[in-house]
Amino acid sequence: LLRDVDVLRLKQNLGYAGGIAAALPRVGTEFVAWLNDD
């Protein structure tokens, strides 16, 4: 379902905190939002 968005695919489940932490180095904008998938 994620073919038309930027996706960072992790090899294991790092949880919500681990997922946000993994994404942060890839953020180049002034602001970063965290949003639950639900």
All heavy atoms as atom14 arrays in JSON, in Angstrom:
{
  "sequence": "LLRDVDVLRLKQNLGYAGGIAAALPRVGTEFVAWLNDD",
  "atom14_mask": [
    [1, 1, 1, 1, 1, 1, 1, 1, 0, 0, 0, 0, 0, 0],
    [1, 1, 1, 1, 1, 1, 1, 1, 0, 0, 0, 0, 0, 0],
    [1, 1, 1, 1, 1, 1, 1, 1, 1, 1, 1, 0, 0, 0],
    [1, 1, 1, 1, 1, 1, 1, 1, 0, 0, 0, 0, 0, 0],
    [1, 1, 1, 1, 1, 1, 1, 0, 0, 0, 0, 0, 0, 0],
    [1, 1, 1, 1, 1, 1, 1, 1, 0, 0, 0, 0, 0, 0],
    [1, 1, 1, 1, 1, 1, 1, 0, 0, 0, 0, 0, 0, 0],
    [1, 1, 1, 1, 1, 1, 1, 1, 0, 0, 0, 0, 0, 0],
    [1, 1, 1, 1, 1, 1, 1, 1, 1, 1, 1, 0, 0, 0],
    [1, 1, 1, 1, 1, 1, 1, 1, 0, 0, 0, 0, 0, 0],
    [1, 1, 1, 1, 1, 1, 1, 1, 1, 0, 0, 0, 0, 0],
    [1, 1, 1, 1, 1, 1, 1, 1, 1, 0, 0, 0, 0, 0],
    [1, 1, 1, 1, 1, 1, 1, 1, 0, 0, 0, 0, 0, 0],
    [1, 1, 1, 1, 1, 1, 1, 1, 0, 0, 0, 0, 0, 0],
    [1, 1, 1, 1, 0, 0, 0, 0, 0, 0, 0, 0, 0, 0],
    [1, 1, 1, 1, 1, 1, 1, 1, 1, 1, 1, 1, 0, 0],
    [1, 1, 1, 1, 1, 0, 0, 0, 0, 0, 0, 0, 0, 0],
    [1, 1, 1, 1, 0, 0, 0, 0, 0, 0, 0, 0, 0, 0],
    [1, 1, 1, 1, 0, 0, 0, 0, 0, 0, 0, 0, 0, 0],
    [1, 1, 1, 1, 1, 1, 1, 1, 0, 0, 0, 0, 0, 0],
    [1, 1, 1, 1, 1, 0, 0, 0, 0, 0, 0, 0, 0, 0],
    [1, 1, 1, 1, 1, 0, 0, 0, 0, 0, 0, 0, 0, 0],
    [1, 1, 1, 1, 1, 0, 0, 0, 0, 0, 0, 0, 0, 0],
    [1, 1, 1, 1, 1, 1, 1, 1, 0, 0, 0, 0, 0, 0],
    [1, 1, 1, 1, 1, 1, 1, 0, 0, 0, 0, 0, 0, 0],
    [1, 1, 1, 1, 1, 1, 1, 1, 1, 1, 1, 0, 0, 0],
    [1, 1, 1, 1, 1, 1, 1, 0, 0, 0, 0, 0, 0, 0],
    [1, 1, 1, 1, 0, 0, 0, 0, 0, 0, 0, 0, 0, 0],
    [1, 1, 1, 1, 1, 1, 1, 0, 0, 0, 0, 0, 0, 0],
    [1, 1, 1, 1, 1, 1, 1, 1, 1, 0, 0, 0, 0, 0],
    [1, 1, 1, 1, 1, 1, 1, 1, 1, 1, 1, 0, 0, 0],
    [1, 1, 1, 1, 1, 1, 1, 0, 0, 0, 0, 0, 0, 0],
    [1, 1, 1, 1, 1, 0, 0, 0, 0, 0, 0, 0, 0, 0],
    [1, 1, 1, 1, 1, 1, 1, 1, 1, 1, 1, 1, 1, 1],
    [1, 1, 1, 1, 1, 1, 1, 1, 0, 0, 0, 0, 0, 0],
    [1, 1, 1, 1, 1, 1, 1, 1, 0, 0, 0, 0, 0, 0],
    [1, 1, 1, 1, 1, 1, 1, 1, 0, 0, 0, 0, 0, 0],
    [1, 1, 1, 1, 1, 1, 1, 1, 0, 0, 0, 0, 0, 0]
  ],
  "atom14_positions": [
    [[0.81, -1.21, 0.0], [0.0, 0.0, 0.0], [0.85, 1.27, 0.0], [0.3, 2.37, 0.0], [-0.92, 0.02, 1.22], [-1.81, -1.22, 1.42], [-2.61, -1.09, 2.71], [-2.76, -1.39, 0.23], [0.0, 0.0, 0.0], [0.0, 0.0, 0.0], [0.0, 0.0, 0.0], [0.0, 0.0, 0.0], [0.0, 0.0, 0.0], [0.0, 0.0, 0.0]],
    [[2.18, 1.12, 0.0], [3.06, 2.27, 0.2], [3.9, 2.58, -1.03], [4.99, 3.14, -0.93], [4.0, 1.98, 1.38], [3.32, 1.63, 2.71], [4.36, 1.3, 3.77], [2.42, 2.78, 3.18], [0.0, 0.0, 0.0], [0.0, 0.0, 0.0], [0.0, 0.0, 0.0], [0.0, 0.0, 0.0], [0.0, 0.0, 0.0], [0.0, 0.0, 0.0]],
    [[3.38, 2.29, -2.21], [4.19, 2.41, -3.42], [4.32, 3.84, -3.93], [5.2, 4.13, -4.73], [3.6, 1.51, -4.51], [3.79, 0.03, -4.17], [3.13, -0.88, -5.16], [3.34, -2.29, -4.83], [2.66, -3.3, -5.36], [1.71, -3.04, -6.24], [2.92, -4.54, -5.0], [0.0, 0.0, 0.0], [0.0, 0.0, 0.0], [0.0, 0.0, 0.0]],
    [[3.46, 4.75, -3.48], [3.53, 6.11, -4.0], [3.96, 7.12, -2.95], [3.7, 8.31, -3.08], [2.17, 6.51, -4.6], [1.05, 6.47, -3.58], [1.24, 5.86, -2.51], [-0.01, 7.06, -3.85], [0.0, 0.0, 0.0], [0.0, 0.0, 0.0], [0.0, 0.0, 0.0], [0.0, 0.0, 0.0], [0.0, 0.0, 0.0], [0.0, 0.0, 0.0]],
    [[4.62, 6.65, -1.89], [5.16, 7.56, -0.86], [6.6, 7.15, -0.57], [7.02, 6.03, -0.87], [4.33, 7.52, 0.45], [2.94, 8.07, 0.23], [4.28, 6.1, 1.02], [0.0, 0.0, 0.0], [0.0, 0.0, 0.0], [0.0, 0.0, 0.0], [0.0, 0.0, 0.0], [0.0, 0.0, 0.0], [0.0, 0.0, 0.0], [0.0, 0.0, 0.0]],
    [[7.36, 8.09, 0.02], [8.71, 7.75, 0.47], [8.61, 6.78, 1.63], [7.85, 7.01, 2.59], [9.45, 9.01, 0.93], [9.82, 9.92, -0.22], [9.84, 9.44, -1.36], [10.09, 11.1, 0.04], [0.0, 0.0, 0.0], [0.0, 0.0, 0.0], [0.0, 0.0, 0.0], [0.0, 0.0, 0.0], [0.0, 0.0, 0.0], [0.0, 0.0, 0.0]],
    [[9.37, 5.7, 1.57], [9.3, 4.67, 2.6], [10.71, 4.33, 3.08], [11.62, 4.13, 2.27], [8.62, 3.39, 2.09], [8.53, 2.34, 3.21], [7.23, 3.7, 1.55], [0.0, 0.0, 0.0], [0.0, 0.0, 0.0], [0.0, 0.0, 0.0], [0.0, 0.0, 0.0], [0.0, 0.0, 0.0], [0.0, 0.0, 0.0], [0.0, 0.0, 0.0]],
    [[10.87, 4.27, 4.38], [12.07, 3.74, 5.0], [11.7, 2.37, 5.55], [10.93, 2.26, 6.51], [12.55, 4.66, 6.13], [13.68, 4.13, 7.02], [14.92, 3.81, 6.19], [14.0, 5.13, 8.13], [0.0, 0.0, 0.0], [0.0, 0.0, 0.0], [0.0, 0.0, 0.0], [0.0, 0.0, 0.0], [0.0, 0.0, 0.0], [0.0, 0.0, 0.0]],
    [[12.2, 1.33, 4.91], [11.85, -0.04, 5.3], [12.91, -0.57, 6.27], [14.09, -0.68, 5.91], [11.74, -0.94, 4.08], [10.69, -0.46, 3.08], [10.43, -1.49, 1.99], [9.64, -0.92, 0.91], [8.33, -0.76, 0.94], [7.66, -1.15, 2.01], [7.68, -0.23, -0.09], [0.0, 0.0, 0.0], [0.0, 0.0, 0.0], [0.0, 0.0, 0.0]],
    [[12.48, -0.9, 7.47], [13.39, -1.43, 8.47], [13.4, -2.95, 8.41], [12.39, -3.58, 8.09], [12.98, -0.95, 9.86], [12.92, 0.57, 10.04], [12.53, 0.92, 11.47], [14.25, 1.21, 9.67], [0.0, 0.0, 0.0], [0.0, 0.0, 0.0], [0.0, 0.0, 0.0], [0.0, 0.0, 0.0], [0.0, 0.0, 0.0], [0.0, 0.0, 0.0]],
    [[14.52, -3.55, 8.76], [14.66, -4.99, 8.69], [14.04, -5.69, 9.89], [13.83, -6.9, 9.87], [16.14, -5.37, 8.58], [16.78, -4.91, 7.28], [18.23, -5.32, 7.19], [18.85, -4.87, 5.89], [20.29, -5.27, 5.78], [0.0, 0.0, 0.0], [0.0, 0.0, 0.0], [0.0, 0.0, 0.0], [0.0, 0.0, 0.0], [0.0, 0.0, 0.0]],
    [[13.78, -4.94, 10.95], [13.11, -5.49, 12.12], [12.25, -4.42, 12.75], [12.4, -3.23, 12.46], [14.13, -6.01, 13.14], [15.01, -4.92, 13.74], [16.08, -5.47, 14.65], [17.12, -5.94, 14.18], [15.82, -5.46, 15.94], [0.0, 0.0, 0.0], [0.0, 0.0, 0.0], [0.0, 0.0, 0.0], [0.0, 0.0, 0.0], [0.0, 0.0, 0.0]],
    [[11.32, -4.84, 13.6], [10.42, -3.91, 14.25], [11.14, -3.19, 15.38], [11.48, -3.81, 16.41], [9.2, -4.67, 14.79], [8.16, -3.75, 15.39], [8.3, -2.53, 15.37], [7.12, -4.33, 15.95], [0.0, 0.0, 0.0], [0.0, 0.0, 0.0], [0.0, 0.0, 0.0], [0.0, 0.0, 0.0], [0.0, 0.0, 0.0], [0.0, 0.0, 0.0]],
    [[11.39, -1.9, 15.21], [12.07, -1.1, 16.22], [11.1, -0.31, 17.08], [11.52, 0.5, 17.91], [13.05, -0.13, 15.55], [14.17, -0.77, 14.71], [15.08, 0.31, 14.16], [14.96, -1.79, 15.52], [0.0, 0.0, 0.0], [0.0, 0.0, 0.0], [0.0, 0.0, 0.0], [0.0, 0.0, 0.0], [0.0, 0.0, 0.0], [0.0, 0.0, 0.0]],
    [[9.8, -0.56, 16.9], [8.81, 0.17, 17.68], [8.6, 1.59, 17.18], [9.22, 2.02, 16.19], [0.0, 0.0, 0.0], [0.0, 0.0, 0.0], [0.0, 0.0, 0.0], [0.0, 0.0, 0.0], [0.0, 0.0, 0.0], [0.0, 0.0, 0.0], [0.0, 0.0, 0.0], [0.0, 0.0, 0.0], [0.0, 0.0, 0.0], [0.0, 0.0, 0.0]],
    [[7.71, 2.3, 17.85], [7.41, 3.67, 17.44], [8.62, 4.58, 17.67], [9.02, 5.35, 16.79], [6.2, 4.19, 18.21], [5.64, 5.48, 17.65], [5.01, 5.51, 16.42], [5.73, 6.67, 18.37], [4.49, 6.68, 15.89], [5.21, 7.85, 17.86], [4.59, 7.85, 16.62], [4.08, 9.02, 16.11], [0.0, 0.0, 0.0], [0.0, 0.0, 0.0]],
    [[9.22, 4.47, 18.85], [10.37, 5.32, 19.16], [11.53, 5.03, 18.23], [12.17, 5.94, 17.7], [10.79, 5.11, 20.61], [0.0, 0.0, 0.0], [0.0, 0.0, 0.0], [0.0, 0.0, 0.0], [0.0, 0.0, 0.0], [0.0, 0.0, 0.0], [0.0, 0.0, 0.0], [0.0, 0.0, 0.0], [0.0, 0.0, 0.0], [0.0, 0.0, 0.0]],
    [[11.79, 3.75, 18.0], [12.89, 3.39, 17.1], [12.64, 3.82, 15.68], [13.57, 4.21, 14.96], [0.0, 0.0, 0.0], [0.0, 0.0, 0.0], [0.0, 0.0, 0.0], [0.0, 0.0, 0.0], [0.0, 0.0, 0.0], [0.0, 0.0, 0.0], [0.0, 0.0, 0.0], [0.0, 0.0, 0.0], [0.0, 0.0, 0.0], [0.0, 0.0, 0.0]],
    [[11.38, 3.76, 15.25], [11.04, 4.19, 13.9], [11.24, 5.69, 13.71], [11.79, 6.13, 12.68], [0.0, 0.0, 0.0], [0.0, 0.0, 0.0], [0.0, 0.0, 0.0], [0.0, 0.0, 0.0], [0.0, 0.0, 0.0], [0.0, 0.0, 0.0], [0.0, 0.0, 0.0], [0.0, 0.0, 0.0], [0.0, 0.0, 0.0], [0.0, 0.0, 0.0]],
    [[10.79, 6.48, 14.68], [10.98, 7.93, 14.59], [12.47, 8.26, 14.6], [12.95, 9.1, 13.83], [10.26, 8.65, 15.75], [8.75, 8.47, 15.65], [10.63, 10.12, 15.78], [8.08, 9.24, 14.55], [0.0, 0.0, 0.0], [0.0, 0.0, 0.0], [0.0, 0.0, 0.0], [0.0, 0.0, 0.0], [0.0, 0.0, 0.0], [0.0, 0.0, 0.0]],
    [[13.22, 7.59, 15.47], [14.66, 7.84, 15.55], [15.36, 7.49, 14.24], [16.27, 8.2, 13.8], [15.26, 7.04, 16.71], [0.0, 0.0, 0.0], [0.0, 0.0, 0.0], [0.0, 0.0, 0.0], [0.0, 0.0, 0.0], [0.0, 0.0, 0.0], [0.0, 0.0, 0.0], [0.0, 0.0, 0.0], [0.0, 0.0, 0.0], [0.0, 0.0, 0.0]],
    [[14.94, 6.4, 13.6], [15.55, 6.0, 12.33], [15.24, 7.01, 11.22], [16.05, 7.21, 10.31], [15.05, 4.61, 11.93], [0.0, 0.0, 0.0], [0.0, 0.0, 0.0], [0.0, 0.0, 0.0], [0.0, 0.0, 0.0], [0.0, 0.0, 0.0], [0.0, 0.0, 0.0], [0.0, 0.0, 0.0], [0.0, 0.0, 0.0], [0.0, 0.0, 0.0]],
    [[14.08, 7.65, 11.29], [13.68, 8.61, 10.26], [14.35, 9.96, 10.42], [14.57, 10.67, 9.43], [12.16, 8.79, 10.28], [0.0, 0.0, 0.0], [0.0, 0.0, 0.0], [0.0, 0.0, 0.0], [0.0, 0.0, 0.0], [0.0, 0.0, 0.0], [0.0, 0.0, 0.0], [0.0, 0.0, 0.0], [0.0, 0.0, 0.0], [0.0, 0.0, 0.0]],
    [[14.69, 10.35, 11.64], [15.14, 11.71, 11.9], [16.35, 12.13, 11.05], [16.37, 13.27, 10.55], [15.45, 11.88, 13.39], [15.72, 13.3, 13.88], [14.57, 14.25, 13.53], [16.0, 13.31, 15.38], [0.0, 0.0, 0.0], [0.0, 0.0, 0.0], [0.0, 0.0, 0.0], [0.0, 0.0, 0.0], [0.0, 0.0, 0.0], [0.0, 0.0, 0.0]],
    [[17.35, 11.28, 10.82], [18.47, 11.72, 9.97], [18.06, 12.02, 8.53], [18.8, 12.69, 7.81], [19.43, 10.52, 10.02], [19.08, 9.79, 11.27], [17.61, 9.96, 11.43], [0.0, 0.0, 0.0], [0.0, 0.0, 0.0], [0.0, 0.0, 0.0], [0.0, 0.0, 0.0], [0.0, 0.0, 0.0], [0.0, 0.0, 0.0], [0.0, 0.0, 0.0]],
    [[16.89, 11.55, 8.1], [16.43, 11.76, 6.73], [15.52, 12.98, 6.6], [14.98, 13.23, 5.53], [15.68, 10.52, 6.25], [16.55, 9.27, 6.2], [15.75, 8.02, 5.91], [16.59, 6.85, 5.83], [16.8, 6.12, 4.73], [16.2, 6.46, 3.6], [17.59, 5.06, 4.76], [0.0, 0.0, 0.0], [0.0, 0.0, 0.0], [0.0, 0.0, 0.0]],
    [[15.34, 13.71, 7.68], [14.47, 14.89, 7.67], [15.31, 16.13, 7.41], [16.25, 16.42, 8.15], [13.71, 15.02, 9.01], [12.89, 16.31, 9.03], [12.81, 13.8, 9.22], [0.0, 0.0, 0.0], [0.0, 0.0, 0.0], [0.0, 0.0, 0.0], [0.0, 0.0, 0.0], [0.0, 0.0, 0.0], [0.0, 0.0, 0.0], [0.0, 0.0, 0.0]],
    [[14.95, 16.88, 6.35], [15.68, 18.09, 6.01], [14.84, 19.35, 6.09], [15.3, 20.42, 5.67], [0.0, 0.0, 0.0], [0.0, 0.0, 0.0], [0.0, 0.0, 0.0], [0.0, 0.0, 0.0], [0.0, 0.0, 0.0], [0.0, 0.0, 0.0], [0.0, 0.0, 0.0], [0.0, 0.0, 0.0], [0.0, 0.0, 0.0], [0.0, 0.0, 0.0]],
    [[13.64, 19.25, 6.63], [12.75, 20.4, 6.73], [12.85, 21.07, 8.09], [13.38, 20.5, 9.05], [11.3, 19.96, 6.48], [11.01, 18.81, 7.31], [11.06, 19.58, 5.03], [0.0, 0.0, 0.0], [0.0, 0.0, 0.0], [0.0, 0.0, 0.0], [0.0, 0.0, 0.0], [0.0, 0.0, 0.0], [0.0, 0.0, 0.0], [0.0, 0.0, 0.0]],
    [[12.3, 22.26, 8.17], [12.31, 23.04, 9.41], [11.59, 22.32, 10.54], [12.02, 22.35, 11.69], [11.65, 24.39, 9.14], [11.54, 25.31, 10.33], [10.79, 26.6, 10.01], [10.35, 26.76, 8.84], [10.64, 27.44, 10.91], [0.0, 0.0, 0.0], [0.0, 0.0, 0.0], [0.0, 0.0, 0.0], [0.0, 0.0, 0.0], [0.0, 0.0, 0.0]],
    [[10.47, 21.68, 10.2], [9.66, 21.0, 11.2], [9.58, 19.51, 10.87], [9.66, 19.11, 9.71], [8.23, 21.56, 11.23], [8.14, 23.04, 11.52], [7.39, 23.87, 10.69], [8.78, 23.6, 12.61], [7.28, 25.22, 10.94], [8.68, 24.97, 12.88], [7.93, 25.78, 12.05], [0.0, 0.0, 0.0], [0.0, 0.0, 0.0], [0.0, 0.0, 0.0]],
    [[9.36, 18.71, 11.91], [9.1, 17.29, 11.73], [7.87, 16.93, 12.56], [7.77, 17.3, 13.73], [10.3, 16.42, 12.13], [10.75, 16.65, 13.57], [10.0, 14.94, 11.89], [0.0, 0.0, 0.0], [0.0, 0.0, 0.0], [0.0, 0.0, 0.0], [0.0, 0.0, 0.0], [0.0, 0.0, 0.0], [0.0, 0.0, 0.0], [0.0, 0.0, 0.0]],
    [[6.93, 16.26, 11.93], [5.73, 15.79, 12.63], [5.83, 14.3, 12.87], [6.34, 13.56, 12.04], [4.48, 16.09, 11.79], [0.0, 0.0, 0.0], [0.0, 0.0, 0.0], [0.0, 0.0, 0.0], [0.0, 0.0, 0.0], [0.0, 0.0, 0.0], [0.0, 0.0, 0.0], [0.0, 0.0, 0.0], [0.0, 0.0, 0.0], [0.0, 0.0, 0.0]],
    [[5.37, 13.89, 14.05], [5.18, 12.46, 14.33], [3.68, 12.2, 14.2], [2.85, 12.95, 14.74], [5.59, 12.1, 15.74], [6.96, 12.5, 16.17], [7.93, 13.12, 15.43], [7.52, 12.3, 17.48], [9.04, 13.32, 16.2], [8.83, 12.83, 17.45], [7.04, 11.74, 18.66], [9.67, 12.81, 18.57], [7.87, 11.72, 19.77], [9.17, 12.24, 19.73]],
    [[3.34, 11.12, 13.5], [1.92, 10.8, 13.33], [1.72, 9.29, 13.37], [2.38, 8.55, 12.64], [1.4, 11.35, 12.0], [-0.11, 11.22, 11.76], [-0.91, 12.07, 12.74], [-0.46, 11.59, 10.32], [0.0, 0.0, 0.0], [0.0, 0.0, 0.0], [0.0, 0.0, 0.0], [0.0, 0.0, 0.0], [0.0, 0.0, 0.0], [0.0, 0.0, 0.0]],
    [[0.81, 8.84, 14.25], [0.44, 7.42, 14.29], [-0.2, 7.01, 12.99], [-0.91, 7.8, 12.34], [-0.53, 7.16, 15.43], [0.12, 7.06, 16.8], [-0.56, 6.88, 17.8], [1.43, 7.18, 16.87], [0.0, 0.0, 0.0], [0.0, 0.0, 0.0], [0.0, 0.0, 0.0], [0.0, 0.0, 0.0], [0.0, 0.0, 0.0], [0.0, 0.0, 0.0]],
    [[0.0, 5.75, 12.61], [-0.6, 5.27, 11.36], [-2.1, 5.05, 11.48], [-2.78, 4.84, 10.48], [0.09, 3.99, 10.88], [-0.09, 2.81, 11.83], [-0.58, 3.0, 12.97], [0.26, 1.68, 11.43], [0.0, 0.0, 0.0], [0.0, 0.0, 0.0], [0.0, 0.0, 0.0], [0.0, 0.0, 0.0], [0.0, 0.0, 0.0], [0.0, 0.0, 0.0]],
    [[-2.63, 5.1, 12.71], [-4.08, 4.96, 12.9], [-4.73, 6.31, 13.19], [-5.81, 6.39, 13.77], [-4.4, 3.97, 14.03], [-3.78, 4.36, 15.36], [-3.06, 5.39, 15.42], [-3.97, 3.62, 16.35], [0.0, 0.0, 0.0], [0.0, 0.0, 0.0], [0.0, 0.0, 0.0], [0.0, 0.0, 0.0], [0.0, 0.0, 0.0], [0.0, 0.0, 0.0]]
  ]
}
